[in-house]
Protein backbone atom coordinates (compact mmCIF):
# COMPACT_ATOMS: atom_id res chain seq x y z
CA MET A 1 214.68 314.13 214.50
CA ASN A 2 211.20 315.46 213.58
CA ALA A 3 209.57 318.48 215.21
CA GLN A 4 207.48 316.44 217.64
CA GLY A 5 210.51 314.39 218.65
CA PHE A 6 212.51 317.56 219.24
CA LEU A 7 209.80 319.07 221.41
CA LYS A 8 209.53 315.86 223.44
CA ARG A 9 213.29 316.07 223.98
CA VAL A 10 212.92 319.70 225.05
CA ALA A 11 210.22 318.66 227.49
CA ALA A 12 212.43 315.92 228.90
CA LEU A 13 215.41 318.22 229.22
CA PHE A 14 213.70 321.12 230.88
CA LEU A 15 210.88 319.48 232.77
CA LEU A 16 213.31 318.43 235.49
CA PHE A 17 216.64 320.15 234.79
CA PHE A 18 217.71 322.61 237.52
CA THR A 19 219.65 325.73 236.61
CA GLY A 20 221.33 328.69 238.24
CA PRO A 21 220.20 331.92 239.88
CA LEU A 22 219.51 333.79 236.62
CA SER A 23 216.06 335.39 236.89
CA ALA A 24 213.55 335.80 234.08
CA GLU A 25 213.96 339.57 234.32
CA GLU A 26 217.68 339.19 233.56
CA ILE A 27 217.03 337.44 230.24
CA THR A 28 217.01 339.94 227.40
CA MET A 29 217.07 339.55 223.64
CA SER A 30 220.61 340.97 223.65
CA ALA A 31 221.76 338.16 225.95
CA ARG A 32 220.72 335.14 223.92
CA LEU A 33 222.82 332.08 223.32
CA ASN A 34 225.23 332.69 220.43
CA PHE A 35 226.14 329.14 219.41
CA THR A 36 225.11 325.51 219.80
CA TYR A 37 227.35 322.46 220.26
CA ASN A 38 226.97 318.86 219.08
CA MET A 39 229.09 315.97 220.33
CA THR A 40 229.96 312.84 218.35
CA LEU A 41 231.02 309.80 220.33
CA GLN A 42 232.31 306.53 218.85
CA ALA A 43 233.30 303.56 220.99
CA GLU A 44 233.86 299.85 220.50
CA ASN A 45 234.48 296.88 222.77
CA MET A 46 233.71 298.68 226.03
CA PHE A 47 231.03 299.51 228.55
CA LEU A 48 231.22 303.23 229.32
CA ARG A 49 229.72 306.10 231.27
CA LEU A 50 230.19 309.63 229.98
CA TYR A 51 230.09 312.68 232.28
CA ILE A 52 230.28 316.32 231.12
CA ASN A 53 231.18 318.85 233.82
CA GLY A 54 230.26 316.15 236.33
CA ALA A 55 226.79 315.45 234.92
CA PRO A 56 226.16 311.86 233.75
CA ILE A 57 225.10 311.94 230.11
CA VAL A 58 225.36 308.38 228.77
CA TYR A 59 225.43 304.93 230.37
CA HIS A 60 226.34 302.57 227.52
CA GLY A 61 225.76 298.96 228.46
CA ARG A 62 225.20 297.32 225.12
CA THR A 63 227.54 294.74 223.65
CA SER A 64 227.74 296.54 220.31
CA LYS A 65 229.60 299.38 218.66
CA MET A 66 228.44 302.79 219.87
CA LEU A 67 228.04 305.77 217.54
CA PHE A 68 225.93 308.85 218.14
CA THR A 69 225.84 312.60 217.58
CA TYR A 70 223.78 314.61 220.04
CA PRO A 71 223.22 318.24 221.14
CA MET A 72 225.26 319.01 224.28
CA THR A 73 224.83 322.77 224.64
CA GLU A 74 222.90 322.64 227.92
CA PHE A 75 225.70 320.71 229.65
CA LEU A 76 228.53 323.04 228.65
CA ARG A 77 229.89 326.17 230.29
CA THR A 78 231.87 329.21 229.32
CA GLY A 79 235.59 328.71 229.93
CA LYS A 80 236.97 325.42 231.23
CA ASN A 81 234.91 322.27 230.70
CA TRP A 82 235.85 318.72 231.64
CA ILE A 83 234.87 315.19 230.71
CA ASP A 84 235.12 312.01 232.76
CA ILE A 85 234.67 308.61 231.13
CA ASP A 86 234.41 305.40 233.13
CA TYR A 87 235.01 302.37 230.95
CA GLU A 88 235.48 298.63 231.22
CA PRO A 89 236.99 296.69 228.26
CA PHE A 90 234.83 294.06 226.62
CA ASN A 91 235.50 291.55 223.85
CA LEU A 92 232.55 291.31 221.47
CA THR A 93 233.94 288.17 219.84
CA THR A 94 234.34 286.11 223.00
CA GLN A 95 231.64 287.95 225.00
CA THR A 96 234.03 288.40 227.93
CA TYR A 97 235.39 291.35 229.89
CA THR A 98 238.83 291.03 228.33
CA PRO A 99 241.17 293.92 227.46
CA HIS A 100 242.55 293.96 223.89
CA LYS A 101 243.85 296.39 221.27
CA ASP A 102 240.46 296.88 219.59
CA VAL A 103 239.02 298.67 222.62
CA THR A 104 238.68 302.16 221.11
CA LEU A 105 237.15 305.55 221.88
CA GLN A 106 236.85 308.81 219.96
CA ILE A 107 235.01 312.03 220.91
CA GLY A 108 234.53 315.21 218.89
CA LEU A 109 232.71 318.48 219.56
CA ARG A 110 231.27 320.68 216.80
CA GLN A 111 230.29 324.36 217.11
CA LEU A 112 227.36 325.72 215.09
CA LYS A 113 225.58 329.01 214.59
CA GLY A 114 222.14 328.00 213.44
CA ALA A 115 222.85 325.65 210.53
CA GLU A 116 226.24 327.26 209.88
CA TYR A 117 229.33 325.19 210.70
CA ILE A 118 231.84 327.16 212.81
CA GLY A 119 234.47 324.63 213.82
CA GLU A 120 235.20 321.24 215.36
CA VAL A 121 237.69 319.77 217.82
CA ASP A 122 238.73 316.17 218.46
CA LEU A 123 238.54 316.00 222.24
CA PHE A 124 239.91 312.48 222.55
CA SER A 125 241.03 309.63 220.31
CA GLY A 126 242.51 306.54 221.89
CA ARG A 127 243.14 302.82 221.62
CA TYR A 128 243.72 300.29 224.38
CA ASN A 129 247.37 299.47 225.01
CA VAL A 130 247.66 295.96 226.45
CA GLU A 131 251.11 296.56 227.97
CA ALA A 132 250.01 299.78 229.67
CA ALA A 133 246.67 298.15 230.61
CA GLN A 134 244.64 301.24 229.66
CA LEU A 135 243.43 303.46 226.84
CA LEU A 136 246.20 305.70 225.50
CA GLU A 137 245.56 308.82 223.46
CA GLN A 138 247.04 309.01 219.98
CA GLU A 139 247.78 311.87 217.57
CA THR A 140 245.71 310.41 214.73
CA LEU A 141 242.03 309.58 214.84
CA VAL A 142 241.07 305.98 215.53
CA TYR A 143 238.12 306.43 213.17
CA GLY A 144 239.34 308.27 210.10
CA GLY A 145 243.12 308.17 210.45
CA THR A 146 243.65 311.93 210.06
CA LYS A 147 245.62 314.05 212.52
CA ARG A 148 243.70 315.01 215.63
CA SER A 149 242.47 318.63 215.61
CA THR A 150 242.95 320.53 218.88
CA LYS A 151 241.38 323.87 217.90
CA GLY A 152 238.21 324.74 216.01
CA GLY A 153 235.96 327.77 216.27
CA LEU A 154 235.91 328.89 219.89
CA ILE A 155 236.90 325.43 221.21
CA THR A 156 240.43 324.41 222.21
CA ALA A 157 241.55 321.05 223.58
CA PRO A 158 245.05 320.80 225.09
CA GLY A 159 245.24 317.03 224.66
CA SER A 160 246.35 316.09 228.18
CA PHE A 161 244.39 313.53 230.19
CA SER A 162 244.54 311.47 233.36
CA SER A 163 243.72 307.79 233.87
CA LEU A 164 242.90 306.13 237.20
CA PRO A 165 241.28 302.86 238.34
CA VAL A 166 237.53 303.11 239.02
CA ASP A 167 234.75 300.91 240.40
CA MET A 168 231.73 300.65 238.09
CA GLN A 169 228.67 299.29 239.86
CA TYR A 170 226.19 297.49 237.60
CA SER A 171 222.77 296.14 238.56
CA SER A 172 224.11 292.60 238.98
CA ARG A 173 227.91 292.89 239.26
CA LYS A 174 230.86 295.12 239.98
CA SER A 175 233.50 295.96 237.39
CA SER A 176 236.83 294.18 237.14
CA VAL A 177 240.27 295.59 237.94
CA ASP A 178 240.57 296.66 234.27
CA ALA A 179 237.93 299.40 234.63
CA ARG A 180 239.36 302.92 234.57
CA ARG A 181 238.31 306.57 234.51
CA ILE A 182 239.92 308.90 231.99
CA SER A 183 239.51 312.65 232.49
CA PHE A 184 240.42 315.60 230.30
CA ASP A 185 239.44 319.24 229.92
CA PHE A 186 238.82 321.66 227.08
CA ASN A 187 237.98 325.35 226.78
CA ILE A 188 235.08 327.15 225.10
CA ASP A 189 235.58 330.91 224.74
CA ASP A 190 231.85 331.59 224.55
CA PRO A 191 230.53 333.85 227.37
CA SER A 192 226.93 333.28 226.27
CA LEU A 193 227.05 329.67 227.52
CA LEU A 194 227.03 330.80 231.18
CA VAL A 195 227.79 328.17 233.88
CA PRO A 196 225.54 325.20 234.76
CA PRO A 197 224.60 325.50 238.46
CA TRP A 198 225.54 321.97 239.51
CA VAL A 199 229.17 322.86 238.77
CA ASP A 200 229.26 325.01 241.91
CA ALA A 201 226.94 322.90 244.07
CA PRO A 202 228.37 321.45 247.32
CA VAL A 203 230.17 318.12 247.20
CA LEU A 204 227.95 315.53 248.89
CA SER A 205 228.73 312.75 251.35
CA ASP A 206 226.62 309.63 251.80
CA THR A 207 225.18 310.25 255.25
CA PRO A 208 221.74 309.60 256.81
CA GLU A 209 221.14 313.36 256.82
CA MET A 210 221.93 313.60 253.10
CA ARG A 211 219.60 310.68 252.31
CA ARG A 212 216.73 312.24 254.29
CA ALA A 213 217.17 315.51 252.37
CA LEU A 214 217.28 313.57 249.10
CA TRP A 215 214.06 311.75 250.01
CA GLN A 216 212.36 315.07 250.76
CA GLY A 217 213.43 316.30 247.33
CA TYR A 218 211.89 313.22 245.72
CA LYS A 219 208.73 313.65 247.81
CA THR A 220 208.27 317.24 246.68
CA LEU A 221 208.71 316.23 243.06
CA HIS A 222 206.41 313.24 243.47
CA ASP A 223 203.67 315.39 245.04
CA VAL A 224 203.79 318.01 242.28
CA THR A 225 203.70 315.29 239.62
CA ALA A 226 200.80 313.42 241.27
CA GLN A 227 198.78 316.63 241.61
CA ARG A 228 199.59 317.71 238.04
CA SER A 229 200.12 321.12 239.57
CA GLN A 230 201.26 323.64 236.99
CA GLU A 231 201.45 326.28 239.69
CA GLY A 232 203.66 324.03 241.79
CA TYR A 233 205.68 323.15 238.72
CA LEU A 234 206.35 326.80 237.90
CA GLU A 235 207.41 327.45 241.48
CA ILE A 236 209.62 324.38 241.87
CA MET A 237 211.14 324.50 238.41
CA SER A 238 211.50 328.28 238.02
CA PRO A 239 215.32 328.18 237.72
CA THR A 240 215.05 325.29 235.27
CA LEU A 241 212.60 327.14 233.09
CA THR A 242 214.70 330.29 233.24
CA ARG A 243 217.70 328.55 231.75
CA GLY A 244 215.48 326.70 229.30
CA ALA A 245 213.91 329.94 228.12
CA TYR A 246 217.38 331.41 227.71
CA ILE A 247 218.80 328.52 225.69
CA LEU A 248 215.72 328.00 223.52
CA GLY A 249 214.85 331.65 222.97
CA TYR A 250 211.56 331.88 224.91
CA ASP A 251 210.58 335.20 226.49
CA ASN A 252 209.93 333.85 229.98
CA ASN A 253 209.39 330.82 232.17
CA ALA A 254 205.64 330.61 231.64
CA ALA A 255 205.96 330.58 227.85
CA LEU A 256 208.32 327.61 227.95
CA ALA A 257 206.19 325.80 230.54
CA GLU A 258 203.11 326.20 228.38
CA ARG A 259 204.95 324.66 225.43
CA ILE A 260 206.20 321.78 227.54
CA PHE A 261 202.71 320.96 228.81
CA GLU A 262 201.41 320.74 225.24
CA PHE A 263 203.64 317.74 224.56
CA SER A 264 204.50 316.23 227.95
CA PRO A 265 201.73 316.16 230.58
CA LEU A 266 203.17 316.58 234.04
CA GLY A 267 201.33 313.51 235.36
CA GLY A 268 203.00 311.22 232.83
CA PRO A 269 201.87 309.35 229.69
CA ALA A 270 198.17 308.71 229.07
CA ASN A 271 196.56 305.71 230.81
CA THR A 272 199.36 305.35 233.36
CA THR A 273 199.57 305.67 237.12
CA LEU A 274 202.35 307.13 239.21
CA LYS A 275 204.13 304.52 241.30
CA PRO A 276 203.96 305.18 245.04
CA LEU A 277 207.09 306.87 246.38
CA LEU A 278 209.56 304.76 248.34
CA THR A 279 209.49 305.42 252.06
CA GLU A 280 212.00 307.54 253.92
CA GLU A 281 213.16 304.36 255.66
CA ALA A 282 213.71 302.59 252.31
CA ILE A 283 215.92 305.34 250.93
CA MET A 284 218.37 304.76 253.78
CA SER A 285 219.50 301.50 252.16
CA ALA A 286 218.73 302.28 248.51
CA HIS A 287 221.50 302.01 245.92
CA LEU A 288 222.59 305.47 244.78
CA ARG A 289 224.15 306.78 241.57
CA TRP A 290 226.41 309.85 241.66
CA SER A 291 227.77 312.48 239.34
CA SER A 292 231.47 312.05 238.67
CA ASP A 293 232.33 314.86 241.11
CA ASN A 294 229.77 313.80 243.79
CA ARG A 295 227.83 317.06 243.53
CA MET A 296 224.67 315.29 242.32
CA VAL A 297 222.96 312.07 243.34
CA ARG A 298 219.96 309.93 242.49
CA VAL A 299 218.33 306.71 243.61
CA PHE A 300 219.23 303.95 241.16
CA ASP A 301 215.70 302.54 240.80
CA ASP A 302 214.00 305.76 239.57
CA PRO A 303 211.45 306.61 242.32
CA ILE A 304 209.38 308.79 239.94
CA THR A 305 208.04 305.97 237.75
CA PHE A 306 204.89 305.48 235.65
CA LEU A 307 203.07 302.12 235.40
CA ASP A 308 200.56 300.78 232.88
CA ALA A 309 197.35 298.96 233.79
CA SER A 310 199.28 295.72 234.26
CA GLY A 311 201.78 297.31 236.62
CA ASN A 312 204.62 297.37 234.09
CA LYS A 313 207.08 300.27 234.05
CA VAL A 314 206.47 302.44 230.98
CA GLY A 315 208.35 305.60 231.90
CA ALA A 316 210.41 307.30 234.56
CA TYR A 317 212.20 310.52 235.40
CA ARG A 318 215.93 309.66 235.60
CA VAL A 319 216.81 312.73 237.61
CA LEU A 320 219.70 313.78 239.83
CA PHE A 321 219.51 316.19 242.76
CA CYS A 322 221.99 318.67 244.16
CA GLN A 323 221.93 320.63 247.39
CA GLN A 324 220.81 324.26 247.46
CA SER A 325 222.15 327.04 249.67
CA ASP A 326 219.30 326.50 252.16
CA GLY A 327 220.16 322.79 252.48
CA THR A 328 217.21 321.49 250.44
CA PHE A 329 217.63 319.16 247.45
CA ARG A 330 216.36 320.14 244.02
CA VAL A 331 216.53 318.47 240.63
CA CYS A 332 219.70 319.52 238.83
CA HIS A 333 219.87 317.23 235.83
CA GLN A 334 217.90 314.65 233.88
CA MET A 335 219.40 311.89 231.78
CA ASP A 336 217.49 311.51 228.53
CA ILE A 337 219.91 310.02 225.98
CA PRO A 338 218.72 306.47 225.15
CA TYR A 339 221.91 304.47 225.80
């Protein structure tokens, strides 16, 4: 990834990513992030959704083999972390949702200090067992064949996991009875990671009151975006920028905001218009997407959307909200991985 691409990613991550109650005054040079973490995910013959500590990271809906390595530091916490994966088997040969032994999944996490390699753990490696009708973990890696590593650097993975049926809602269909959610945890003994704030946010229920509060959160964000208000942005996104400054090594919120605005104008891409916000009435029946622990929620159709001169969608903020202590909804997480 080149420098401009990295900065655009930074802008996407921290433009709309809510963080905890750490203030700018509490960030000091002696309290910087010590390490970074990259995840490698390989999967074949499945549709999947990956969640880290509840936050949705990847929705993979392509009928092809999946392989990527991506920075995951901002989603991780000190101490216990957990992963949920919703998957539905698919047969690439027959183009059908059919379970078979070549449904495979492997996930690894690498710890780095700058460019220096510290250690790596194989969080999960499994193959579909037709008799058991689910993915089963194995001691050797599906991709590579070596023994699975359960400890590397400051990361440890106990190797236990759970598997339960799950409903996966797509845009045009609902998953079959073969869809399941596997969950497992791992530990990172790195106090400098801190704890992402959505981890401790209230669990949400789908009620009219919740939907009205969610709409108000979208309206606030829509207004700030439409007005291109940097002052409003700094006020609304102060916790986001605080965590961003901490992770990326900026001195304060304003310094990071200034860098973001250089590469990602708040009002969206050039020569685009902001789509009108859906009404409060419309959100009452809108299809919602949730975090795996129901602490975050978003409207499926991306209400903060940018249109070109012909009215075609050319960009959107795929954001999730969580509830604050005063009952209001604020942006907690943005999905930006292109799967």
